[in-house]
Amino acid sequence: MSLPAVEGCVEFQIIKLLSGYFSASRSISGCSRLVEDLCADSVDVVEIVMMIDETFNVELSSRQVAQWRSVADIVNSLVESQNALK
């Protein structure tokens, strides 16, 4: 599977997780900003990290999480973590 295909699959799974976490009335895409569009606060981010850790069996570093501004940032850090395991 090529890298863009892997990122697309990961993005779909992340959006599905976030859609279940946030209210169904919000439309979530890769461009969605965590704070501005999804109204995520620090507690939400911690819970999102825990969901991702559990779902994908990875540990995201605090450095990666601190760089999150959008759904695309989450996808990129997750793909980066998965590639580091290979």
Protein backbone atom coordinates (compact mmCIF):
# COMPACT_ATOMS: atom_id res chain seq x y z
CA MET A 1 0.00 0.00 0.00
CA SER A 2 1.43 3.38 -0.94
CA LEU A 3 1.92 6.12 1.62
CA PRO A 4 -0.99 8.30 0.40
CA ALA A 5 -3.28 5.25 0.55
CA VAL A 6 -2.13 4.52 4.11
CA GLU A 7 -2.71 8.14 5.11
CA GLY A 8 -6.19 8.05 3.53
CA CYS A 9 -7.07 4.92 5.48
CA VAL A 10 -5.72 6.40 8.72
CA GLU A 11 -7.55 9.67 8.06
CA PHE A 12 -10.83 7.78 7.57
CA GLN A 13 -10.33 5.92 10.86
CA ILE A 14 -9.38 9.10 12.76
CA ILE A 15 -12.42 10.96 11.40
CA LYS A 16 -14.62 8.03 12.40
CA LEU A 17 -13.18 8.09 15.95
CA LEU A 18 -13.59 11.86 16.24
CA SER A 19 -17.12 11.72 14.84
CA GLY A 20 -18.03 9.29 17.59
CA TYR A 21 -16.36 11.45 20.22
CA PHE A 22 -17.73 14.84 19.18
CA SER A 23 -21.39 15.57 18.55
CA ALA A 24 -22.78 14.11 15.35
CA SER A 25 -23.89 17.56 14.20
CA ARG A 26 -20.31 18.58 13.43
CA SER A 27 -18.87 17.78 10.03
CA ILE A 28 -15.29 16.54 10.41
CA SER A 29 -12.68 16.45 7.65
CA GLY A 30 -8.91 16.40 7.45
CA CYS A 31 -8.97 20.20 7.41
CA SER A 32 -11.01 20.49 10.60
CA ARG A 33 -9.18 22.47 13.26
CA LEU A 34 -9.33 20.99 16.72
CA VAL A 35 -9.97 24.14 18.73
CA GLU A 36 -11.65 26.45 16.24
CA ASP A 37 -13.91 23.95 14.45
CA LEU A 38 -14.35 21.12 16.93
CA CYS A 39 -14.12 23.22 20.11
CA ALA A 40 -11.66 20.75 21.63
CA ASP A 41 -10.10 21.64 24.97
CA SER A 42 -7.14 20.07 26.77
CA VAL A 43 -9.31 17.33 28.31
CA ASP A 44 -10.65 16.44 24.87
CA VAL A 45 -7.10 16.18 23.52
CA VAL A 46 -6.07 13.83 26.34
CA GLU A 47 -9.11 11.64 25.67
CA ILE A 48 -8.41 11.66 21.91
CA VAL A 49 -4.81 10.59 22.57
CA MET A 50 -6.02 7.73 24.75
CA MET A 51 -8.51 6.60 22.07
CA ILE A 52 -5.83 6.69 19.38
CA ASP A 53 -3.31 4.86 21.58
CA GLU A 54 -5.86 2.13 22.26
CA THR A 55 -7.23 1.88 18.71
CA PHE A 56 -3.91 1.91 16.86
CA ASN A 57 -1.72 0.39 19.58
CA VAL A 58 0.81 3.24 19.45
CA GLU A 59 2.18 5.72 21.94
CA LEU A 60 2.21 9.26 20.69
CA SER A 61 4.85 11.53 22.17
CA SER A 62 3.92 14.76 23.90
CA ARG A 63 6.00 16.53 21.22
CA GLN A 64 3.73 15.11 18.50
CA VAL A 65 0.52 15.93 20.36
CA ALA A 66 1.69 19.49 21.12
CA GLN A 67 1.92 20.10 17.35
CA TRP A 68 -1.70 19.12 16.68
CA ARG A 69 -3.81 21.92 15.26
CA SER A 70 -6.00 19.94 12.83
CA VAL A 71 -7.22 16.45 12.04
CA ALA A 72 -4.50 16.28 9.36
CA ASP A 73 -1.88 16.86 12.09
CA ILE A 74 -3.26 13.88 14.03
CA VAL A 75 -3.09 11.71 10.90
CA ASN A 76 0.48 12.80 10.15
CA SER A 77 1.71 12.09 13.67
CA LEU A 78 0.01 8.69 13.68
CA VAL A 79 1.50 7.72 10.30
CA GLU A 80 4.89 8.94 11.54
CA SER A 81 4.59 6.78 14.68
CA GLN A 82 3.51 3.73 12.68
CA ASN A 83 6.43 4.18 10.25
CA ALA A 84 8.86 4.43 13.17
CA LEU A 85 7.73 0.98 14.33
CA LYS A 86 8.65 -0.62 11.00
